[in-house]
Protein backbone atom coordinates (compact mmCIF):
# COMPACT_ATOMS: atom_id res chain seq x y z
CA MET A 1 -19.71 38.19 14.47
CA LYS A 2 -21.33 35.18 16.21
CA ALA A 3 -23.44 37.58 18.26
CA LEU A 4 -24.64 39.38 15.13
CA LEU A 5 -25.67 36.00 13.68
CA GLY A 6 -27.65 35.04 16.74
CA GLY A 7 -24.99 32.64 18.01
CA VAL A 8 -24.93 30.52 14.84
CA ALA A 9 -21.39 29.49 13.82
CA MET A 10 -20.10 31.06 10.66
CA ALA A 11 -19.15 27.65 9.26
CA ALA A 12 -22.82 26.70 9.10
CA ILE A 13 -23.85 29.71 7.03
CA ALA A 14 -23.15 30.05 3.32
CA LEU A 15 -22.63 33.80 2.93
CA PRO A 16 -22.78 35.19 -0.60
CA GLY A 17 -19.32 35.78 -2.06
CA LEU A 18 -17.56 34.10 0.89
CA ALA A 19 -15.84 30.78 0.04
CA GLN A 20 -16.11 28.09 2.67
CA ALA A 21 -13.21 25.94 3.75
CA GLU A 22 -13.44 22.35 2.58
CA THR A 23 -11.99 19.10 3.85
CA PHE A 24 -11.08 16.39 1.35
CA SER A 25 -9.77 12.86 1.76
CA LEU A 26 -6.37 11.96 0.33
CA TRP A 27 -4.61 8.61 -0.03
CA VAL A 28 -0.93 7.94 -0.61
CA ARG A 29 1.00 4.69 -0.90
CA SER A 30 3.43 3.99 1.92
CA ASP A 31 6.38 4.90 -0.31
CA GLY A 32 5.32 8.49 0.33
CA SER A 33 5.10 8.16 4.10
CA GLU A 34 8.09 10.45 4.63
CA PHE A 35 7.11 13.43 2.50
CA MET A 36 3.31 13.36 2.30
CA PRO A 37 2.51 13.84 6.02
CA LYS A 38 4.89 16.82 6.16
CA LEU A 39 3.38 18.34 3.03
CA VAL A 40 -0.17 17.84 4.33
CA ASP A 41 0.72 19.29 7.74
CA ALA A 42 2.19 22.39 6.11
CA PHE A 43 -0.88 22.83 3.91
CA ASN A 44 -3.32 22.28 6.76
CA ALA A 45 -1.41 24.71 8.98
CA LYS A 46 -2.46 27.53 6.72
CA GLY A 47 -5.83 27.33 8.45
CA GLU A 48 -8.05 27.15 5.38
CA ASP A 49 -8.86 23.97 3.46
CA LYS A 50 -7.83 20.65 4.99
CA ALA A 51 -6.56 17.36 3.64
CA GLU A 52 -7.32 14.18 5.59
CA LEU A 53 -4.47 11.81 4.84
CA GLN A 54 -4.54 8.02 4.81
CA ILE A 55 -1.35 6.03 4.14
CA VAL A 56 -1.96 2.71 2.38
CA PRO A 57 0.62 -0.11 2.11
CA VAL A 58 2.29 0.14 -1.28
CA ASN A 59 1.30 -3.38 -2.35
CA GLU A 60 -2.34 -2.82 -1.44
CA LEU A 61 -3.12 0.63 -2.78
CA VAL A 62 -4.05 -0.16 -6.40
CA GLN A 63 -6.43 -2.98 -5.49
CA LYS A 64 -7.83 -1.04 -2.52
CA TYR A 65 -8.55 1.96 -4.72
CA ALA A 66 -10.11 -0.15 -7.48
CA ILE A 67 -12.46 -1.79 -4.97
CA ALA A 68 -13.27 1.54 -3.30
CA ALA A 69 -13.96 3.25 -6.63
CA ALA A 70 -16.27 0.43 -7.71
CA GLY A 71 -18.12 0.54 -4.40
CA GLY A 72 -18.44 4.31 -4.06
CA SER A 73 -16.11 4.68 -1.06
CA GLN A 74 -13.15 6.10 -2.94
CA PRO A 75 -11.04 8.99 -1.57
CA ASP A 76 -11.50 12.44 -3.06
CA ALA A 77 -7.89 12.51 -4.26
CA LEU A 78 -5.09 10.01 -4.52
CA SER A 79 -1.32 10.03 -4.99
CA LEU A 80 -1.14 7.15 -7.47
CA ASP A 81 1.86 5.33 -8.91
CA LEU A 82 2.01 7.17 -12.23
CA ILE A 83 2.16 3.99 -14.33
CA PHE A 84 -1.41 3.10 -13.30
CA THR A 85 -2.94 6.41 -14.39
CA PRO A 86 -3.94 5.17 -17.87
CA SER A 87 -5.65 2.10 -16.39
CA PHE A 88 -7.91 4.06 -14.04
CA ALA A 89 -8.54 6.77 -16.63
CA GLN A 90 -9.61 4.13 -19.16
CA ALA A 91 -11.96 2.67 -16.54
CA GLY A 92 -13.65 6.05 -16.10
CA GLN A 93 -12.67 6.34 -12.44
CA LEU A 94 -10.75 9.63 -12.65
CA LYS A 95 -11.81 13.24 -13.09
CA ASP A 96 -10.69 15.26 -16.10
CA MET A 97 -8.16 17.87 -14.88
CA THR A 98 -7.15 19.29 -18.26
CA ASP A 99 -8.41 22.85 -17.81
CA PHE A 100 -6.91 23.21 -14.35
CA ALA A 101 -3.55 21.77 -15.39
CA LYS A 102 -3.19 23.96 -18.45
CA SER A 103 -4.25 27.07 -16.52
CA LEU A 104 -1.10 26.89 -14.40
CA PRO A 105 1.51 29.45 -15.54
CA TYR A 106 4.28 26.88 -15.00
CA TYR A 107 2.48 24.03 -16.78
CA ASP A 108 5.31 23.65 -19.31
CA SER A 109 7.80 23.16 -16.45
CA LEU A 110 5.95 20.18 -14.99
CA SER A 111 7.42 16.71 -15.55
CA GLN A 112 6.52 15.75 -19.09
CA ALA A 113 6.96 12.04 -18.37
CA HIS A 114 4.35 12.21 -15.62
CA LEU A 115 1.99 14.13 -17.88
CA SER A 116 2.51 11.67 -20.73
CA VAL A 117 1.07 8.79 -18.69
CA GLY A 118 -1.39 11.14 -16.98
CA THR A 119 -3.04 11.81 -20.34
CA TYR A 120 -5.68 9.51 -21.77
CA ASP A 121 -7.63 10.09 -24.96
CA GLY A 122 -6.23 13.63 -25.16
CA LYS A 123 -7.33 14.64 -21.65
CA ILE A 124 -5.23 15.02 -18.49
CA TYR A 125 -6.36 12.77 -15.64
CA GLY A 126 -3.14 12.71 -13.63
CA MET A 127 -0.78 15.54 -12.71
CA PRO A 128 2.85 15.18 -11.55
CA PHE A 129 3.22 14.89 -7.81
CA SER A 130 6.30 13.01 -6.60
CA ALA A 131 9.30 11.80 -8.59
CA ASP A 132 12.04 9.19 -8.48
CA ALA A 133 14.56 8.86 -11.32
CA SER A 134 16.62 5.79 -12.13
CA VAL A 135 20.39 6.29 -12.03
CA LEU A 136 23.65 4.33 -11.96
CA VAL A 137 25.63 4.20 -8.72
CA TRP A 138 29.20 3.03 -8.20
CA ASN A 139 31.29 2.19 -5.15
CA LYS A 140 34.25 4.57 -5.03
CA ASN A 141 36.04 2.53 -2.38
CA LEU A 142 36.09 -0.51 -4.67
CA TYR A 143 37.10 1.66 -7.62
CA LYS A 144 40.18 2.76 -5.67
CA LYS A 145 41.06 -0.81 -4.69
CA ALA A 146 40.78 -1.89 -8.34
CA GLY A 147 43.01 0.96 -9.55
CA LEU A 148 40.15 2.83 -11.23
CA ASP A 149 39.51 6.57 -11.12
CA PRO A 150 36.80 6.84 -8.43
CA ASP A 151 35.55 10.15 -9.78
CA LYS A 152 35.14 9.07 -13.41
CA ALA A 153 31.56 8.09 -14.14
CA PRO A 154 30.90 5.35 -16.72
CA ALA A 155 29.66 6.89 -19.96
CA ASN A 156 28.70 3.75 -21.91
CA TRP A 157 28.30 -0.01 -21.55
CA ASN A 158 31.94 -0.70 -22.27
CA ASP A 159 32.95 1.55 -19.36
CA ILE A 160 30.60 -0.38 -17.07
CA ARG A 161 31.91 -3.73 -18.27
CA LYS A 162 35.58 -2.78 -17.81
CA ALA A 163 34.97 -1.41 -14.32
CA ALA A 164 32.97 -4.52 -13.40
CA GLU A 165 35.81 -6.75 -14.59
CA ALA A 166 38.45 -4.85 -12.60
CA ILE A 167 36.36 -4.91 -9.43
CA GLY A 168 35.35 -8.55 -9.89
CA ALA A 169 39.03 -9.46 -10.08
CA LEU A 170 39.49 -8.28 -6.48
CA GLY A 171 37.98 -11.54 -5.24
CA ASP A 172 36.93 -11.86 -1.60
CA ASP A 173 33.26 -12.24 -2.53
CA THR A 174 33.38 -8.95 -4.43
CA TYR A 175 31.40 -8.58 -7.65
CA GLY A 176 31.51 -6.01 -10.38
CA PHE A 177 27.79 -5.55 -11.05
CA TYR A 178 24.36 -6.33 -9.65
CA PHE A 179 20.78 -6.50 -10.88
CA SER A 180 17.66 -8.20 -9.48
CA GLY A 181 17.27 -10.84 -12.17
CA ASN A 182 13.74 -11.94 -11.32
CA CYS A 183 12.10 -8.56 -10.65
CA GLY A 184 9.94 -7.06 -13.37
CA GLY A 185 9.41 -3.76 -11.62
CA CYS A 186 13.09 -3.29 -10.74
CA ASN A 187 14.14 -3.84 -14.33
CA ILE A 188 11.49 -1.73 -16.02
CA PHE A 189 12.89 1.05 -13.81
CA THR A 190 16.59 0.43 -14.39
CA PHE A 191 17.04 -1.77 -17.47
CA THR A 192 14.66 -0.04 -19.91
CA PRO A 193 16.66 3.25 -19.83
CA LEU A 194 19.62 1.35 -21.33
CA ILE A 195 17.38 0.56 -24.30
CA TRP A 196 15.93 4.07 -24.57
CA ALA A 197 19.37 5.65 -24.45
CA SER A 198 20.43 3.34 -27.29
CA GLY A 199 17.52 4.38 -29.51
CA GLY A 200 15.04 1.59 -28.74
CA ASN A 201 11.61 1.45 -27.16
CA LEU A 202 9.29 -1.02 -25.44
CA PHE A 203 5.86 0.26 -26.52
CA GLU A 204 4.67 2.48 -29.33
CA ASP A 205 1.38 3.99 -30.52
CA LYS A 206 0.22 4.90 -27.01
CA GLY A 207 0.79 1.38 -25.78
CA ALA A 208 -1.03 -0.28 -28.69
CA LYS A 209 2.11 -1.91 -30.05
CA ALA A 210 4.76 -3.94 -28.21
CA THR A 211 8.27 -3.44 -29.62
CA VAL A 212 10.25 -6.08 -27.79
CA LYS A 213 11.96 -7.60 -30.82
CA THR A 214 14.53 -4.88 -31.58
CA PRO A 215 18.32 -4.76 -31.96
CA GLN A 216 18.51 -2.42 -28.96
CA MET A 217 16.69 -4.91 -26.73
CA LYS A 218 18.89 -7.75 -27.96
CA ASP A 219 22.06 -5.77 -27.28
CA ALA A 220 20.94 -4.82 -23.77
CA LEU A 221 19.95 -8.39 -22.90
CA GLU A 222 23.30 -9.65 -24.16
CA PHE A 223 25.08 -6.96 -22.13
CA TYR A 224 23.57 -8.27 -18.90
CA ARG A 225 23.89 -11.92 -19.98
CA GLY A 226 27.58 -11.44 -20.63
CA MET A 227 28.24 -10.13 -17.14
CA ALA A 228 26.17 -12.91 -15.54
CA LYS A 229 27.91 -15.56 -17.67
CA ASP A 230 31.36 -14.28 -16.65
CA ASP A 231 30.48 -14.29 -12.95
CA LEU A 232 30.63 -10.52 -12.63
CA VAL A 233 27.18 -10.77 -11.02
CA PRO A 234 26.56 -12.91 -7.90
CA ALA A 235 24.56 -16.09 -8.45
CA GLY A 236 21.78 -14.89 -6.14
CA SER A 237 20.82 -12.33 -8.75
CA GLN A 238 18.98 -14.98 -10.76
CA THR A 239 16.31 -15.56 -8.12
CA ASP A 240 16.19 -12.06 -6.61
CA SER A 241 12.64 -10.79 -7.04
CA GLY A 242 13.54 -7.39 -5.63
CA SER A 243 14.34 -8.05 -1.98
CA ASN A 244 18.03 -7.38 -2.60
CA PHE A 245 17.56 -4.56 -5.10
CA PHE A 246 18.98 -1.93 -2.74
CA ALA A 247 20.67 -4.08 -0.10
CA ALA A 248 23.16 -5.73 -2.48
CA PHE A 249 24.98 -2.49 -3.24
CA ALA A 250 24.60 -1.19 0.30
CA GLY A 251 26.54 -4.23 1.54
CA GLY A 252 29.73 -2.73 0.09
CA ASN A 253 30.89 -5.60 -2.11
CA ILE A 254 29.24 -4.57 -5.40
CA GLY A 255 31.04 -2.26 -7.83
CA LEU A 256 28.16 -0.83 -9.83
CA THR A 257 24.40 -1.18 -9.93
CA PRO A 258 21.44 0.62 -11.50
CA SER A 259 19.21 2.08 -8.80
CA GLY A 260 16.96 5.04 -8.07
CA SER A 261 17.33 8.50 -6.58
CA PHE A 262 15.75 7.12 -3.39
CA ALA A 263 19.06 5.34 -2.79
CA ILE A 264 20.87 8.63 -2.16
CA GLY A 265 19.03 9.38 1.05
CA ALA A 266 18.97 5.74 2.11
CA LEU A 267 22.73 5.31 1.64
CA ASN A 268 23.53 8.60 3.34
CA ASN A 269 21.37 7.80 6.36
CA GLN A 270 22.01 4.10 6.77
CA TYR A 271 25.50 3.59 5.30
CA PRO A 272 27.42 6.84 5.87
CA ASP A 273 30.82 5.18 5.40
CA LEU A 274 30.03 3.97 1.88
CA ASP A 275 31.63 6.38 -0.61
CA TYR A 276 29.66 6.27 -3.84
CA GLY A 277 29.05 8.15 -7.06
CA VAL A 278 25.85 8.77 -9.02
CA THR A 279 25.49 9.17 -12.76
CA TYR A 280 23.03 8.65 -15.59
CA LEU A 281 22.12 5.26 -17.06
CA PRO A 282 24.00 5.21 -20.36
CA GLY A 283 23.25 3.80 -23.78
CA LYS A 284 25.47 1.29 -25.54
CA ASP A 285 27.62 3.96 -27.16
CA GLY A 286 26.81 6.95 -24.97
CA ASP A 287 23.84 9.25 -24.41
CA TRP A 288 21.67 8.44 -21.38
CA SER A 289 18.12 8.09 -20.19
CA SER A 290 16.09 7.49 -17.05
CA PHE A 291 12.81 6.00 -15.95
CA ALA A 292 10.67 8.79 -14.53
CA GLY A 293 8.96 7.11 -11.59
CA GLY A 294 6.91 8.43 -8.72
CA ASP A 295 3.26 9.40 -8.42
CA ASN A 296 0.63 11.39 -10.23
CA ILE A 297 -2.04 13.09 -8.18
CA VAL A 298 -5.50 12.15 -9.42
CA VAL A 299 -9.05 13.03 -8.42
CA SER A 300 -11.78 10.42 -8.22
CA ALA A 301 -14.48 10.82 -10.87
CA LYS A 302 -17.24 10.94 -8.23
CA THR A 303 -15.58 13.60 -6.05
CA ASP A 304 -17.98 16.43 -5.22
CA GLU A 305 -17.29 19.54 -7.29
CA ASP A 306 -17.48 21.63 -4.11
CA LYS A 307 -14.21 19.99 -3.01
CA MET A 308 -12.32 20.78 -6.20
CA PRO A 309 -11.13 24.26 -5.12
CA ALA A 310 -9.58 22.76 -1.99
CA ILE A 311 -7.90 19.95 -3.95
CA GLU A 312 -6.62 22.42 -6.52
CA ALA A 313 -5.29 24.63 -3.71
CA PHE A 314 -3.40 21.63 -2.32
CA ILE A 315 -1.90 20.83 -5.72
CA LYS A 316 -0.83 24.45 -6.18
CA PHE A 317 0.79 24.38 -2.74
CA ALA A 318 2.65 21.19 -3.66
CA TYR A 319 3.90 22.94 -6.81
CA SER A 320 4.98 26.08 -4.94
CA SER A 321 8.61 26.63 -4.03
CA GLU A 322 7.72 25.80 -0.42
CA GLY A 323 5.94 22.60 -1.39
CA GLN A 324 8.65 21.42 -3.78
CA THR A 325 11.26 22.06 -1.08
CA ILE A 326 9.31 20.00 1.46
CA LEU A 327 9.12 17.17 -1.06
CA ALA A 328 12.81 17.42 -1.95
CA LYS A 329 13.96 17.40 1.67
CA ASN A 330 11.91 14.32 2.44
CA GLY A 331 12.70 11.93 -0.38
CA SER A 332 11.00 13.09 -3.59
CA LEU A 333 12.63 14.80 -6.53
CA PRO A 334 10.93 18.03 -7.64
CA VAL A 335 8.39 17.66 -10.46
CA ARG A 336 8.53 21.34 -11.40
CA ALA A 337 11.76 21.98 -13.29
CA ASP A 338 11.83 25.77 -12.96
CA VAL A 339 12.13 25.59 -9.16
CA ALA A 340 14.05 22.30 -8.89
CA GLU A 341 17.44 23.85 -8.18
CA GLU A 342 15.97 26.10 -5.50
CA ALA A 343 14.10 23.17 -3.93
CA LEU A 344 17.29 21.07 -3.81
CA LYS A 345 19.47 23.84 -2.45
CA GLY A 346 21.62 22.71 0.44
CA LEU A 347 21.00 19.02 -0.19
CA ASP A 348 23.51 16.40 -1.32
CA SER A 349 24.74 17.49 -4.76
CA ARG A 350 24.08 13.98 -6.08
CA TYR A 351 20.37 14.82 -5.96
CA LEU A 352 21.00 17.38 -8.69
CA ILE A 353 22.22 14.60 -10.98
CA ALA A 354 19.07 12.62 -10.27
CA ALA A 355 16.93 15.71 -10.86
CA LYS A 356 18.67 16.34 -14.18
CA ALA A 357 18.02 12.70 -15.12
CA MET A 358 14.34 13.63 -15.13
CA ASP A 359 15.05 15.90 -18.12
CA LYS A 360 15.28 12.76 -20.25
CA GLY A 361 13.00 10.71 -18.04
CA ARG A 362 10.45 8.50 -19.74
CA THR A 363 7.62 6.31 -18.51
CA PRO A 364 6.17 3.42 -20.56
CA TYR A 365 2.57 4.07 -21.51
CA THR A 366 0.12 1.18 -21.35
CA PRO A 367 -3.26 0.68 -19.64
CA VAL A 368 -2.26 -2.94 -18.93
CA PHE A 369 1.07 -2.28 -17.21
CA ASN A 370 0.35 -4.69 -14.38
CA ASP A 371 -0.31 -7.65 -16.68
CA LEU A 372 2.65 -6.90 -18.91
CA ILE A 373 5.31 -5.77 -16.44
CA ASN A 374 4.47 -6.29 -12.78
CA SER A 375 2.90 -9.73 -12.98
CA LEU A 376 5.10 -12.26 -11.19
CA ASN A 377 4.76 -14.62 -14.15
CA GLY A 378 4.23 -12.02 -16.86
CA PRO A 379 5.96 -11.78 -20.24
CA TRP A 380 8.43 -9.06 -19.21
CA VAL A 381 10.01 -10.74 -16.20
CA ASN A 382 9.93 -14.16 -17.87
CA MET A 383 11.84 -12.81 -20.86
CA LEU A 384 14.42 -11.02 -18.74
CA ASN A 385 15.13 -13.94 -16.46
CA LYS A 386 15.44 -16.39 -19.35
CA ALA A 387 17.62 -14.04 -21.40
CA PHE A 388 19.88 -12.76 -18.62
CA PHE A 389 20.86 -16.30 -17.67
CA ALA A 390 20.60 -18.01 -21.06
CA ASP A 391 23.30 -20.40 -22.23
CA SER A 392 23.21 -19.14 -25.82
CA ALA A 393 22.23 -16.22 -28.04
CA GLU A 394 19.56 -18.44 -29.60
CA GLU A 395 17.85 -18.74 -26.23
CA VAL A 396 17.84 -14.96 -25.94
CA ASP A 397 16.08 -14.73 -29.31
CA GLU A 398 13.52 -17.32 -28.19
CA ALA A 399 12.81 -15.38 -25.01
CA MET A 400 12.30 -12.19 -27.02
CA ASP A 401 9.99 -13.92 -29.49
CA GLU A 402 7.85 -15.32 -26.68
CA ALA A 403 7.62 -11.97 -24.92
CA GLN A 404 6.75 -10.10 -28.11
CA GLU A 405 3.90 -12.49 -28.92
CA GLU A 406 2.50 -12.62 -25.38
CA MET A 407 2.72 -8.88 -24.80
CA GLN A 408 0.94 -8.07 -28.03
CA SER A 409 -1.75 -10.64 -27.26
CA ILE A 410 -2.39 -9.07 -23.84
CA ILE A 411 -2.52 -5.59 -25.36
CA ASP A 412 -4.91 -6.64 -28.14
CA SER A 413 -7.25 -8.48 -25.78
CA SER A 414 -7.54 -5.40 -23.54
CA ARG A 415 -8.67 -3.03 -26.28
């Protein structure tokens, strides 16, 4: 063929009706450093379009992307923490993907929580990519020592409290429960589902209204406060800003803790002797919920249209049975429900519980998530820390009042 073209490489000629391979840039936060390189390698190995991957430290990605987008050096596509999708969509930095998303025959099987925060002003700017569900884990070894049934999962708050009391009574620096009491991100992931499962909410009207001051929030805060007050939670919880979120339970002296599906692989690989169970995060009187975490894949608004077929091909590959299996085997829950069981086949059965948790998974919707939730001195973490370790119910009410007022003020000033 080269001879027929006078020695000119095919790649330099645009032949009518013949699509050219494209290369596009792709960023992912370091949380995806296990699964994304393997997914990209498998896609690139097909010998057609190529993705050029850059892994960005998790704490730097949002700011790095914001600066890049403002300066015109943004990547073509990005695996973005799903909670930030509304912020970048509102800023006009993402490409509308509505038509492509809805053209997929399995669109209705994609994670609805991811799509809910991927949608802004009625248009889809972020599509589900990777997933992590919040769950409750318990130490079966400690259950046995405390005379509890190690295979009986807690179904409500009373079950958790009773198990925590029995395990706390063992002594020897053993505690019934653990939470990172000064970590906004940890608790939006693991504490909010307790409220959702009890019938409450945190935001309404597409993030326009803060709903902190509710009976469900008060009950959940008092639930945690009661365990902290009765020394069922170690004192270090009060100042833990997340550094001990996983390590506390992994140490083997904590009975129960809310965590994420990521813990399954981490515990299996790093602490193989720790016998543990996984279940859903329950409501006060039953039911259950989960925070649907993970990433949406987004496309920068200024990405060349010529690169869109390649990016869409990559997304379709990620959604294929092969792609979902690669993700599942390397730390991400499937985001396509109709192939989830196939993708998880042969893996630890506890992953199936986490995958099912996504069925009721929810993600708070607000374009100012960082200011409200992640800020180190924001209204969410300030309320939680004050309420969890308050001396009285009145102090809990005061903390809720302050958070309600400050959250609504931040929301109103951003609109």
